[in-house]
Amino acid sequence: MRAPTITIRGFKVFKGLLSAPEQQDLLTASRDVVAAAPLFSPQTPYGKPMSVRMTSAGRFGWYSDRRGYRYADRHPEGGDWPAIPDQVLAIWRELVSDTRDPDCCLINFYGEGARMGMHQDRDEADFTWPVLSMSLGDEGLFRIGNQARGGKTESIWLQSGDVVVMGGEARLTYHGVDRIKFGTSSLMPKGGRINLTCRVVD
């Protein structure tokens, strides 16, 4: 298993892990998932729509509405979630585990002006499993906080092809995406950022 390029508060950042052809292959696989399970705009439990559109692949998909944050076994428009692409599983097996595959690959699409507020990934049953995050497209300003809200934070720009593993002390650390530097990647000529996040759910 290769060593991370940078480690920030337990977040292992593999800068430029994915080559240009690998990024293109992963983008194609992501579009195949979206074709089978269209992007949707979830609402927070407070009724506010998220600026990020999303969908999922795997046994479960992540979902949010006025009933709260949770995993669902079907797309909100009906139908099963498609299988997690082989390209995603290969990265998981290299960096996280070759004995247990993820149950969910959440795909977030950030258009111009989209962001993701500071949050914890805590809807899963077992926090000993790391979260794997892959970036495609435009640069995103990733902010890392603490295990409780507030306090000093650190930020790093994630470029297309960067991969982050959040495990151990980082597993329940607050994090978010403050802004997207729209139009900074040639991978997606029309702009935007795709983030694929893999988790063990149950």
N, C-alpha and C. Protein backbone atom coordinates (compact mmCIF):
# COMPACT_ATOMS: atom_id res chain seq x y z
N MET A 1 0.85 -1.20 0.00
CA MET A 1 0.00 0.00 0.00
C MET A 1 0.89 1.25 0.00
N ARG A 2 0.62 2.16 -0.92
CA ARG A 2 1.47 3.33 -1.04
C ARG A 2 1.22 4.33 0.09
N ALA A 3 2.20 5.17 0.36
CA ALA A 3 2.10 6.16 1.42
C ALA A 3 1.40 7.41 0.91
N PRO A 4 0.60 8.09 1.77
CA PRO A 4 -0.04 9.32 1.35
C PRO A 4 0.97 10.43 1.10
N THR A 5 0.62 11.37 0.24
CA THR A 5 1.51 12.51 -0.04
C THR A 5 1.51 13.49 1.13
N ILE A 6 0.33 13.71 1.70
CA ILE A 6 0.16 14.67 2.79
C ILE A 6 -0.78 14.03 3.82
N THR A 7 -0.52 14.27 5.09
CA THR A 7 -1.45 13.87 6.14
C THR A 7 -1.80 15.10 6.98
N ILE A 8 -3.10 15.41 7.06
CA ILE A 8 -3.58 16.56 7.83
C ILE A 8 -4.61 16.08 8.83
N ARG A 9 -4.27 16.15 10.11
CA ARG A 9 -5.19 15.74 11.18
C ARG A 9 -5.76 14.35 10.95
N GLY A 10 -4.93 13.46 10.44
CA GLY A 10 -5.35 12.09 10.20
C GLY A 10 -5.94 11.84 8.82
N PHE A 11 -6.23 12.90 8.07
CA PHE A 11 -6.73 12.76 6.70
C PHE A 11 -5.53 12.46 5.79
N LYS A 12 -5.54 11.31 5.16
CA LYS A 12 -4.45 10.92 4.26
C LYS A 12 -4.79 11.36 2.85
N VAL A 13 -4.01 12.27 2.31
CA VAL A 13 -4.27 12.86 1.00
C VAL A 13 -3.24 12.31 0.01
N PHE A 14 -3.74 11.62 -1.01
CA PHE A 14 -2.89 11.08 -2.06
C PHE A 14 -3.00 12.01 -3.27
N LYS A 15 -2.09 12.96 -3.36
CA LYS A 15 -2.14 13.97 -4.42
C LYS A 15 -1.80 13.33 -5.77
N GLY A 16 -2.68 13.58 -6.76
CA GLY A 16 -2.42 13.10 -8.11
C GLY A 16 -2.34 11.60 -8.24
N LEU A 17 -3.05 10.89 -7.38
CA LEU A 17 -2.98 9.43 -7.41
C LEU A 17 -3.48 8.86 -8.74
N LEU A 18 -4.54 9.47 -9.28
CA LEU A 18 -5.15 8.95 -10.51
C LEU A 18 -4.57 9.66 -11.73
N SER A 19 -4.09 8.89 -12.69
CA SER A 19 -3.56 9.45 -13.93
C SER A 19 -4.70 10.02 -14.77
N ALA A 20 -4.35 10.77 -15.80
CA ALA A 20 -5.36 11.35 -16.68
C ALA A 20 -6.26 10.27 -17.30
N PRO A 21 -5.71 9.17 -17.84
CA PRO A 21 -6.58 8.11 -18.37
C PRO A 21 -7.46 7.48 -17.29
N GLU A 22 -6.93 7.31 -16.08
CA GLU A 22 -7.72 6.75 -14.99
C GLU A 22 -8.85 7.69 -14.60
N GLN A 23 -8.58 8.99 -14.60
CA GLN A 23 -9.63 9.96 -14.30
C GLN A 23 -10.74 9.90 -15.35
N GLN A 24 -10.37 9.82 -16.60
CA GLN A 24 -11.35 9.76 -17.67
C GLN A 24 -12.19 8.49 -17.55
N ASP A 25 -11.54 7.39 -17.23
CA ASP A 25 -12.24 6.11 -17.06
C ASP A 25 -13.22 6.18 -15.90
N LEU A 26 -12.81 6.81 -14.81
CA LEU A 26 -13.67 6.96 -13.64
C LEU A 26 -14.83 7.91 -13.93
N LEU A 27 -14.57 8.95 -14.72
CA LEU A 27 -15.64 9.87 -15.11
C LEU A 27 -16.68 9.15 -15.96
N THR A 28 -16.23 8.33 -16.91
CA THR A 28 -17.16 7.56 -17.74
C THR A 28 -18.01 6.63 -16.89
N ALA A 29 -17.36 5.95 -15.93
CA ALA A 29 -18.09 5.05 -15.03
C ALA A 29 -19.11 5.82 -14.19
N SER A 30 -18.75 7.02 -13.75
CA SER A 30 -19.67 7.83 -12.96
C SER A 30 -20.88 8.25 -13.79
N ARG A 31 -20.65 8.58 -15.05
CA ARG A 31 -21.76 8.96 -15.92
C ARG A 31 -22.69 7.77 -16.18
N ASP A 32 -22.13 6.57 -16.23
CA ASP A 32 -22.96 5.37 -16.38
C ASP A 32 -23.87 5.19 -15.16
N VAL A 33 -23.33 5.47 -13.98
CA VAL A 33 -24.14 5.39 -12.76
C VAL A 33 -25.27 6.41 -12.82
N VAL A 34 -24.94 7.64 -13.22
CA VAL A 34 -25.94 8.71 -13.29
C VAL A 34 -27.03 8.38 -14.32
N ALA A 35 -26.65 7.72 -15.41
CA ALA A 35 -27.64 7.34 -16.42
C ALA A 35 -28.64 6.35 -15.86
N ALA A 36 -28.18 5.48 -14.95
CA ALA A 36 -29.07 4.48 -14.35
C ALA A 36 -29.81 5.01 -13.12
N ALA A 37 -29.18 5.95 -12.40
CA ALA A 37 -29.76 6.52 -11.18
C ALA A 37 -29.52 8.03 -11.22
N PRO A 38 -30.44 8.81 -11.80
CA PRO A 38 -30.21 10.23 -12.06
C PRO A 38 -29.86 11.03 -10.80
N LEU A 39 -29.08 12.09 -11.01
CA LEU A 39 -28.77 13.02 -9.94
C LEU A 39 -30.06 13.64 -9.39
N PHE A 40 -30.08 13.88 -8.09
CA PHE A 40 -31.21 14.56 -7.47
C PHE A 40 -30.68 15.56 -6.45
N SER A 41 -31.53 16.49 -6.04
CA SER A 41 -31.15 17.53 -5.08
C SER A 41 -31.84 17.26 -3.75
N PRO A 42 -31.12 16.69 -2.78
CA PRO A 42 -31.74 16.39 -1.49
C PRO A 42 -32.00 17.65 -0.67
N GLN A 43 -32.88 17.52 0.30
CA GLN A 43 -33.14 18.59 1.26
C GLN A 43 -32.55 18.21 2.60
N THR A 44 -32.12 19.21 3.36
CA THR A 44 -31.71 18.97 4.73
C THR A 44 -32.97 18.71 5.57
N PRO A 45 -32.80 18.16 6.78
CA PRO A 45 -33.97 17.97 7.64
C PRO A 45 -34.69 19.27 7.98
N TYR A 46 -34.03 20.40 7.73
CA TYR A 46 -34.63 21.71 8.02
C TYR A 46 -35.37 22.28 6.81
N GLY A 47 -35.42 21.48 5.72
CA GLY A 47 -36.18 21.88 4.54
C GLY A 47 -35.41 22.72 3.55
N LYS A 48 -34.11 22.91 3.77
CA LYS A 48 -33.29 23.71 2.87
C LYS A 48 -32.67 22.81 1.81
N PRO A 49 -32.82 23.12 0.51
CA PRO A 49 -32.21 22.28 -0.52
C PRO A 49 -30.69 22.41 -0.51
N MET A 50 -30.00 21.30 -0.72
CA MET A 50 -28.55 21.32 -0.83
C MET A 50 -28.14 21.86 -2.19
N SER A 51 -27.00 22.53 -2.24
CA SER A 51 -26.51 23.06 -3.52
C SER A 51 -25.83 21.98 -4.35
N VAL A 52 -25.47 20.87 -3.70
CA VAL A 52 -24.83 19.74 -4.38
C VAL A 52 -25.90 18.75 -4.83
N ARG A 53 -25.80 18.30 -6.08
CA ARG A 53 -26.68 17.23 -6.56
C ARG A 53 -25.96 15.90 -6.39
N MET A 54 -26.71 14.82 -6.20
CA MET A 54 -26.06 13.56 -5.87
C MET A 54 -26.84 12.35 -6.35
N THR A 55 -26.14 11.23 -6.36
CA THR A 55 -26.74 9.91 -6.56
C THR A 55 -25.79 8.91 -5.93
N SER A 56 -26.08 7.62 -6.04
CA SER A 56 -25.25 6.61 -5.39
C SER A 56 -25.18 5.34 -6.22
N ALA A 57 -24.21 4.51 -5.88
CA ALA A 57 -24.10 3.15 -6.41
C ALA A 57 -23.82 2.23 -5.23
N GLY A 58 -24.23 0.96 -5.38
CA GLY A 58 -23.97 -0.01 -4.33
C GLY A 58 -25.25 -0.56 -3.71
N ARG A 59 -25.10 -1.22 -2.58
CA ARG A 59 -26.25 -1.80 -1.89
C ARG A 59 -27.16 -0.73 -1.32
N PHE A 60 -26.57 0.40 -0.93
CA PHE A 60 -27.32 1.49 -0.33
C PHE A 60 -26.94 2.80 -1.01
N GLY A 61 -27.86 3.77 -0.94
CA GLY A 61 -27.57 5.12 -1.38
C GLY A 61 -27.87 6.09 -0.25
N TRP A 62 -27.09 7.16 -0.17
CA TRP A 62 -27.31 8.14 0.89
C TRP A 62 -28.42 9.09 0.47
N TYR A 63 -29.23 9.49 1.44
CA TYR A 63 -30.42 10.29 1.14
C TYR A 63 -30.72 11.23 2.30
N SER A 64 -31.35 12.34 1.99
CA SER A 64 -31.74 13.29 3.03
C SER A 64 -33.03 14.00 2.65
N ASP A 65 -33.92 14.14 3.63
CA ASP A 65 -35.12 14.95 3.48
C ASP A 65 -35.55 15.39 4.87
N ARG A 66 -36.79 15.83 5.03
CA ARG A 66 -37.23 16.32 6.33
C ARG A 66 -37.25 15.22 7.41
N ARG A 67 -37.18 13.97 6.98
CA ARG A 67 -37.13 12.86 7.94
C ARG A 67 -35.73 12.63 8.47
N GLY A 68 -34.73 13.27 7.87
CA GLY A 68 -33.37 13.15 8.37
C GLY A 68 -32.41 12.55 7.36
N TYR A 69 -31.17 12.44 7.80
CA TYR A 69 -30.10 11.86 6.98
C TYR A 69 -30.12 10.34 7.17
N ARG A 70 -29.98 9.60 6.07
CA ARG A 70 -30.05 8.14 6.19
C ARG A 70 -29.60 7.48 4.89
N TYR A 71 -29.47 6.16 4.95
CA TYR A 71 -29.22 5.36 3.76
C TYR A 71 -30.53 4.70 3.33
N ALA A 72 -30.72 4.58 2.02
CA ALA A 72 -31.92 3.95 1.47
C ALA A 72 -31.50 2.88 0.48
N ASP A 73 -32.31 1.83 0.36
CA ASP A 73 -31.94 0.75 -0.55
C ASP A 73 -32.48 0.95 -1.97
N ARG A 74 -33.16 2.09 -2.20
CA ARG A 74 -33.67 2.38 -3.54
C ARG A 74 -33.51 3.87 -3.85
N HIS A 75 -33.37 4.17 -5.12
CA HIS A 75 -33.30 5.56 -5.59
C HIS A 75 -34.62 6.26 -5.28
N PRO A 76 -34.62 7.56 -4.96
CA PRO A 76 -35.87 8.24 -4.62
C PRO A 76 -36.92 8.21 -5.73
N GLU A 77 -36.50 8.02 -6.99
CA GLU A 77 -37.46 7.91 -8.08
C GLU A 77 -37.88 6.46 -8.32
N GLY A 78 -37.37 5.54 -7.49
CA GLY A 78 -37.67 4.13 -7.64
C GLY A 78 -36.54 3.41 -8.35
N GLY A 79 -36.44 2.11 -8.12
CA GLY A 79 -35.39 1.32 -8.75
C GLY A 79 -34.19 1.14 -7.85
N ASP A 80 -33.48 0.05 -8.05
CA ASP A 80 -32.29 -0.24 -7.27
C ASP A 80 -31.14 0.67 -7.69
N TRP A 81 -30.21 0.88 -6.78
CA TRP A 81 -28.99 1.59 -7.13
C TRP A 81 -28.13 0.69 -8.01
N PRO A 82 -27.43 1.24 -8.99
CA PRO A 82 -26.53 0.41 -9.81
C PRO A 82 -25.34 -0.07 -8.99
N ALA A 83 -24.64 -1.06 -9.53
CA ALA A 83 -23.45 -1.60 -8.85
C ALA A 83 -22.33 -0.56 -8.80
N ILE A 84 -21.51 -0.66 -7.77
CA ILE A 84 -20.34 0.22 -7.68
C ILE A 84 -19.37 -0.15 -8.81
N PRO A 85 -18.91 0.82 -9.58
CA PRO A 85 -18.02 0.52 -10.71
C PRO A 85 -16.74 -0.18 -10.28
N ASP A 86 -16.25 -1.06 -11.15
CA ASP A 86 -15.02 -1.79 -10.87
C ASP A 86 -13.84 -0.85 -10.63
N GLN A 87 -13.83 0.28 -11.35
CA GLN A 87 -12.72 1.23 -11.21
C GLN A 87 -12.67 1.78 -9.77
N VAL A 88 -13.84 2.01 -9.18
CA VAL A 88 -13.92 2.51 -7.81
C VAL A 88 -13.47 1.44 -6.83
N LEU A 89 -13.93 0.22 -7.04
CA LEU A 89 -13.57 -0.87 -6.15
C LEU A 89 -12.06 -1.14 -6.16
N ALA A 90 -11.44 -0.97 -7.32
CA ALA A 90 -9.99 -1.20 -7.40
C ALA A 90 -9.23 -0.21 -6.52
N ILE A 91 -9.66 1.03 -6.48
CA ILE A 91 -9.01 2.04 -5.63
C ILE A 91 -9.25 1.72 -4.16
N TRP A 92 -10.48 1.36 -3.82
CA TRP A 92 -10.81 0.97 -2.44
C TRP A 92 -9.93 -0.20 -2.00
N ARG A 93 -9.81 -1.20 -2.85
CA ARG A 93 -9.05 -2.40 -2.47
C ARG A 93 -7.56 -2.12 -2.31
N GLU A 94 -7.05 -1.12 -3.03
CA GLU A 94 -5.64 -0.75 -2.87
C GLU A 94 -5.40 0.04 -1.60
N LEU A 95 -6.29 0.98 -1.29
CA LEU A 95 -6.03 1.93 -0.20
C LEU A 95 -6.74 1.61 1.11
N VAL A 96 -7.82 0.83 1.07
CA VAL A 96 -8.60 0.59 2.28
C VAL A 96 -8.62 -0.88 2.68
N SER A 97 -9.20 -1.75 1.84
CA SER A 97 -9.34 -3.15 2.21
C SER A 97 -9.54 -4.01 0.97
N ASP A 98 -8.87 -5.16 0.96
CA ASP A 98 -9.10 -6.11 -0.12
C ASP A 98 -9.95 -7.29 0.35
N THR A 99 -10.52 -7.16 1.56
CA THR A 99 -11.37 -8.22 2.10
C THR A 99 -12.82 -7.79 2.30
N ARG A 100 -13.07 -6.49 2.36
CA ARG A 100 -14.43 -5.98 2.57
C ARG A 100 -14.67 -4.81 1.65
N ASP A 101 -15.60 -4.95 0.71
CA ASP A 101 -15.92 -3.87 -0.21
C ASP A 101 -16.90 -2.89 0.42
N PRO A 102 -16.95 -1.66 -0.08
CA PRO A 102 -17.91 -0.69 0.44
C PRO A 102 -19.34 -1.06 0.06
N ASP A 103 -20.28 -0.58 0.85
CA ASP A 103 -21.71 -0.80 0.58
C ASP A 103 -22.30 0.33 -0.25
N CYS A 104 -21.64 1.49 -0.22
CA CYS A 104 -22.18 2.67 -0.91
C CYS A 104 -21.06 3.47 -1.53
N CYS A 105 -21.29 3.93 -2.75
CA CYS A 105 -20.44 4.94 -3.38
C CYS A 105 -21.32 6.13 -3.69
N LEU A 106 -21.22 7.16 -2.86
CA LEU A 106 -21.99 8.38 -3.05
C LEU A 106 -21.29 9.25 -4.09
N ILE A 107 -22.04 9.72 -5.08
CA ILE A 107 -21.49 10.58 -6.12
C ILE A 107 -22.11 11.97 -5.98
N ASN A 108 -21.27 12.94 -5.65
CA ASN A 108 -21.71 14.33 -5.51
C ASN A 108 -21.25 15.14 -6.71
N PHE A 109 -22.15 15.94 -7.27
CA PHE A 109 -21.78 16.84 -8.36
C PHE A 109 -21.88 18.28 -7.87
N TYR A 110 -20.76 19.00 -7.96
CA TYR A 110 -20.69 20.40 -7.57
C TYR A 110 -20.68 21.26 -8.82
N GLY A 111 -21.76 21.99 -9.06
CA GLY A 111 -21.78 22.97 -10.13
C GLY A 111 -21.22 24.29 -9.62
N GLU A 112 -21.24 25.30 -10.46
CA GLU A 112 -20.73 26.61 -10.06
C GLU A 112 -21.51 27.14 -8.87
N GLY A 113 -20.78 27.52 -7.82
CA GLY A 113 -21.41 28.07 -6.62
C GLY A 113 -21.81 27.03 -5.58
N ALA A 114 -21.69 25.74 -5.89
CA ALA A 114 -22.06 24.70 -4.94
C ALA A 114 -20.99 24.56 -3.85
N ARG A 115 -21.43 24.12 -2.69
CA ARG A 115 -20.51 23.89 -1.57
C ARG A 115 -21.11 22.82 -0.67
N MET A 116 -20.32 22.35 0.28
CA MET A 116 -20.79 21.38 1.26
C MET A 116 -20.37 21.86 2.64
N GLY A 117 -21.35 22.12 3.50
CA GLY A 117 -21.06 22.63 4.83
C GLY A 117 -20.31 21.62 5.68
N MET A 118 -19.74 22.11 6.76
CA MET A 118 -19.00 21.25 7.67
C MET A 118 -19.92 20.18 8.27
N HIS A 119 -19.47 18.93 8.23
CA HIS A 119 -20.30 17.83 8.69
C HIS A 119 -19.43 16.65 9.09
N GLN A 120 -20.02 15.71 9.81
CA GLN A 120 -19.40 14.43 10.11
C GLN A 120 -20.07 13.35 9.28
N ASP A 121 -19.31 12.32 8.89
CA ASP A 121 -19.90 11.14 8.26
C ASP A 121 -20.21 10.15 9.38
N ARG A 122 -21.46 10.16 9.86
CA ARG A 122 -21.78 9.35 11.02
C ARG A 122 -23.10 8.59 10.89
N ASP A 123 -23.53 8.33 9.66
CA ASP A 123 -24.76 7.57 9.45
C ASP A 123 -24.48 6.08 9.27
N GLU A 124 -23.24 5.66 9.46
CA GLU A 124 -22.85 4.27 9.27
C GLU A 124 -22.83 3.54 10.62
N ALA A 125 -22.86 2.22 10.57
CA ALA A 125 -22.94 1.42 11.79
C ALA A 125 -21.58 1.19 12.45
N ASP A 126 -20.51 1.21 11.66
CA ASP A 126 -19.19 0.85 12.17
C ASP A 126 -18.17 1.89 11.73
N PHE A 127 -17.70 2.70 12.67
CA PHE A 127 -16.78 3.79 12.34
C PHE A 127 -15.33 3.34 12.24
N THR A 128 -15.08 2.05 12.45
CA THR A 128 -13.70 1.57 12.29
C THR A 128 -13.30 1.49 10.82
N TRP A 129 -14.29 1.47 9.92
CA TRP A 129 -13.99 1.45 8.48
C TRP A 129 -13.76 2.87 7.99
N PRO A 130 -12.66 3.11 7.27
CA PRO A 130 -12.41 4.45 6.73
C PRO A 130 -13.41 4.83 5.64
N VAL A 131 -13.44 6.12 5.36
CA VAL A 131 -14.18 6.66 4.22
C VAL A 131 -13.16 7.00 3.14
N LEU A 132 -13.46 6.63 1.90
CA LEU A 132 -12.57 6.90 0.77
C LEU A 132 -13.22 7.95 -0.12
N SER A 133 -12.47 8.99 -0.48
CA SER A 133 -13.01 10.08 -1.28
C SER A 133 -12.11 10.35 -2.48
N MET A 134 -12.72 10.43 -3.68
CA MET A 134 -11.99 10.66 -4.92
C MET A 134 -12.50 11.92 -5.60
N SER A 135 -11.61 12.75 -6.10
CA SER A 135 -11.98 14.02 -6.73
C SER A 135 -11.74 13.98 -8.23
N LEU A 136 -12.73 14.46 -8.98
CA LEU A 136 -12.64 14.60 -10.43
C LEU A 136 -13.10 16.00 -10.82
N GLY A 137 -12.44 16.59 -11.82
CA GLY A 137 -12.89 17.88 -12.33
C GLY A 137 -12.27 19.06 -11.62
N ASP A 138 -13.06 20.11 -11.44
CA ASP A 138 -12.55 21.37 -10.91
C ASP A 138 -12.02 21.25 -9.49
N GLU A 139 -11.10 22.14 -9.15
CA GLU A 139 -10.51 22.15 -7.82
C GLU A 139 -11.55 22.53 -6.77
N GLY A 140 -11.45 21.88 -5.60
CA GLY A 140 -12.34 22.18 -4.49
C GLY A 140 -11.54 22.48 -3.25
N LEU A 141 -11.97 23.50 -2.50
CA LEU A 141 -11.28 23.88 -1.26
C LEU A 141 -11.85 23.04 -0.12
N PHE A 142 -11.08 22.05 0.32
CA PHE A 142 -11.50 21.09 1.32
C PHE A 142 -11.06 21.59 2.69
N ARG A 143 -12.03 21.73 3.60
CA ARG A 143 -11.72 22.26 4.94
C ARG A 143 -11.85 21.15 5.98
N ILE A 144 -10.88 21.06 6.85
CA ILE A 144 -10.82 20.03 7.88
C ILE A 144 -10.90 20.70 9.25
N GLY A 145 -11.85 20.23 10.07
CA GLY A 145 -12.05 20.81 11.39
C GLY A 145 -11.60 19.88 12.51
N ASN A 146 -12.51 19.68 13.45
CA ASN A 146 -12.21 18.91 14.65
C ASN A 146 -13.32 17.89 14.89
N GLN A 147 -13.23 17.12 15.95
CA GLN A 147 -14.25 16.12 16.23
C GLN A 147 -15.46 16.71 16.93
N ALA A 148 -15.41 17.99 17.23
CA ALA A 148 -16.56 18.76 17.71
C ALA A 148 -16.64 20.03 16.87
N ARG A 149 -17.82 20.60 16.77
CA ARG A 149 -17.96 21.82 15.97
C ARG A 149 -17.13 22.95 16.54
N GLY A 150 -16.68 23.82 15.64
CA GLY A 150 -15.91 24.98 16.07
C GLY A 150 -14.42 24.69 16.15
N GLY A 151 -13.69 25.70 16.54
CA GLY A 151 -12.25 25.57 16.66
C GLY A 151 -11.53 25.88 15.36
N LYS A 152 -10.22 25.84 15.44
CA LYS A 152 -9.37 26.15 14.29
C LYS A 152 -9.50 25.06 13.22
N THR A 153 -9.49 25.48 11.96
CA THR A 153 -9.58 24.53 10.84
C THR A 153 -8.37 24.69 9.93
N GLU A 154 -8.16 23.70 9.07
CA GLU A 154 -7.14 23.76 8.04
C GLU A 154 -7.77 23.43 6.70
N SER A 155 -7.24 24.00 5.63
CA SER A 155 -7.82 23.79 4.30
C SER A 155 -6.74 23.37 3.30
N ILE A 156 -7.18 22.63 2.30
CA ILE A 156 -6.29 22.20 1.22
C ILE A 156 -7.10 22.16 -0.07
N TRP A 157 -6.49 22.60 -1.18
CA TRP A 157 -7.15 22.50 -2.47
C TRP A 157 -6.99 21.07 -2.99
N LEU A 158 -8.10 20.44 -3.33
CA LEU A 158 -8.09 19.12 -3.94
C LEU A 158 -8.27 19.26 -5.44
N GLN A 159 -7.35 18.67 -6.21
CA GLN A 159 -7.41 18.72 -7.67
C GLN A 159 -7.94 17.39 -8.21
N SER A 160 -8.28 17.42 -9.49
CA SER A 160 -8.74 16.21 -10.16
C SER A 160 -7.67 15.13 -10.07
N GLY A 161 -8.07 13.93 -9.62
CA GLY A 161 -7.13 12.83 -9.46
C GLY A 161 -6.63 12.65 -8.05
N ASP A 162 -6.96 13.58 -7.15
CA ASP A 162 -6.58 13.43 -5.74
C ASP A 162 -7.53 12.45 -5.05
N VAL A 163 -6.99 11.69 -4.11
CA VAL A 163 -7.78 10.73 -3.34
C VAL A 163 -7.49 10.94 -1.86
N VAL A 164 -8.54 10.89 -1.03
CA VAL A 164 -8.41 11.10 0.42
C VAL A 164 -8.97 9.89 1.15
N VAL A 165 -8.24 9.42 2.18
CA VAL A 165 -8.73 8.37 3.06
C VAL A 165 -8.93 8.96 4.45
N MET A 166 -10.14 8.83 4.97
CA MET A 166 -10.50 9.36 6.28
C MET A 166 -10.75 8.19 7.23
N GLY A 167 -9.76 7.86 8.04
CA GLY A 167 -9.89 6.76 8.98
C GLY A 167 -9.25 7.11 10.30
N GLY A 168 -9.41 6.24 11.29
CA GLY A 168 -8.81 6.49 12.59
C GLY A 168 -9.31 7.78 13.20
N GLU A 169 -8.38 8.65 13.61
CA GLU A 169 -8.75 9.90 14.25
C GLU A 169 -9.55 10.82 13.34
N ALA A 170 -9.41 10.63 12.02
CA ALA A 170 -10.11 11.50 11.07
C ALA A 170 -11.53 11.05 10.79
N ARG A 171 -11.89 9.83 11.20
CA ARG A 171 -13.16 9.25 10.78
C ARG A 171 -14.38 10.10 11.17
N LEU A 172 -14.36 10.69 12.35
CA LEU A 172 -15.49 11.50 12.81
C LEU A 172 -15.12 12.98 12.94
N THR A 173 -14.14 13.39 12.17
CA THR A 173 -13.75 14.80 12.15
C THR A 173 -14.64 15.58 11.19
N TYR A 174 -15.05 16.76 11.61
CA TYR A 174 -15.86 17.62 10.74
C TYR A 174 -15.04 18.06 9.53
N HIS A 175 -15.69 18.09 8.38
CA HIS A 175 -15.02 18.50 7.14
C HIS A 175 -16.08 19.01 6.17
N GLY A 176 -15.63 19.73 5.15
CA GLY A 176 -16.57 20.27 4.16
C GLY A 176 -15.82 20.82 2.96
N VAL A 177 -16.57 21.29 1.99
CA VAL A 177 -16.00 21.90 0.78
C VAL A 177 -16.52 23.33 0.71
N ASP A 178 -15.63 24.30 0.90
CA ASP A 178 -16.04 25.70 0.98
C ASP A 178 -16.40 26.31 -0.37
N ARG A 179 -15.63 25.95 -1.40
CA ARG A 179 -15.94 26.51 -2.71
C ARG A 179 -15.24 25.72 -3.79
N ILE A 180 -15.72 25.91 -5.01
CA ILE A 180 -15.16 25.27 -6.19
C ILE A 180 -14.51 26.33 -7.06
N LYS A 181 -13.30 26.05 -7.52
CA LYS A 181 -12.63 26.95 -8.46
C LYS A 181 -13.08 26.52 -9.86
N PHE A 182 -14.21 27.10 -10.28
CA PHE A 182 -14.89 26.65 -11.49
C PHE A 182 -14.04 26.87 -12.74
N GLY A 183 -13.99 25.83 -13.59
CA GLY A 183 -13.27 25.94 -14.86
C GLY A 183 -11.79 25.69 -14.77
N THR A 184 -11.33 25.00 -13.71
CA THR A 184 -9.89 24.79 -13.53
C THR A 184 -9.41 23.43 -14.02
N SER A 185 -10.32 22.59 -14.52
CA SER A 185 -9.91 21.26 -14.97
C SER A 185 -10.33 21.04 -16.42
N SER A 186 -9.45 20.39 -17.18
CA SER A 186 -9.77 20.06 -18.57
C SER A 186 -10.57 18.75 -18.67
N LEU A 187 -10.71 18.04 -17.55
CA LEU A 187 -11.42 16.77 -17.58
C LEU A 187 -12.89 16.97 -17.92
N MET A 188 -13.48 18.02 -17.39
CA MET A 188 -14.89 18.33 -17.62
C MET A 188 -14.99 19.72 -18.24
N PRO A 189 -14.98 19.82 -19.57
CA PRO A 189 -14.90 21.11 -20.26
C PRO A 189 -16.00 22.09 -19.87
N LYS A 190 -17.17 21.59 -19.50
CA LYS A 190 -18.27 22.49 -19.11
C LYS A 190 -18.18 22.92 -17.64
N GLY A 191 -17.18 22.42 -16.93
CA GLY A 191 -16.98 22.81 -15.55
C GLY A 191 -17.72 21.92 -14.58
N GLY A 192 -17.31 22.00 -13.31
CA GLY A 192 -17.93 21.22 -12.26
C GLY A 192 -16.96 20.26 -11.61
N ARG A 193 -17.32 19.81 -10.43
CA ARG A 193 -16.50 18.85 -9.69
C ARG A 193 -17.35 17.65 -9.32
N ILE A 194 -16.78 16.46 -9.48
CA ILE A 194 -17.43 15.23 -9.03
C ILE A 194 -16.59 14.65 -7.89
N ASN A 195 -17.28 14.29 -6.82
CA ASN A 195 -16.63 13.66 -5.69
C ASN A 195 -17.30 12.30 -5.46
N LEU A 196 -16.52 11.23 -5.46
CA LEU A 196 -17.02 9.90 -5.18
C LEU A 196 -16.57 9.48 -3.80
N THR A 197 -17.50 9.13 -2.94
CA THR A 197 -17.20 8.80 -1.56
C THR A 197 -17.71 7.40 -1.23
N CYS A 198 -16.80 6.53 -0.83
CA CYS A 198 -17.15 5.14 -0.53
C CYS A 198 -17.17 4.89 0.96
N ARG A 199 -18.21 4.14 1.40
CA ARG A 199 -18.37 3.85 2.81
C ARG A 199 -18.88 2.43 3.03
N VAL A 200 -18.44 1.83 4.13
CA VAL A 200 -19.08 0.61 4.64
C VAL A 200 -20.24 1.08 5.50
N VAL A 201 -21.45 0.60 5.22
CA VAL A 201 -22.65 1.12 5.86
C VAL A 201 -23.09 0.31 7.06
N ASP A 202 -23.18 -1.04 6.91
CA ASP A 202 -23.76 -1.85 7.98
C ASP A 202 -22.72 -2.72 8.68
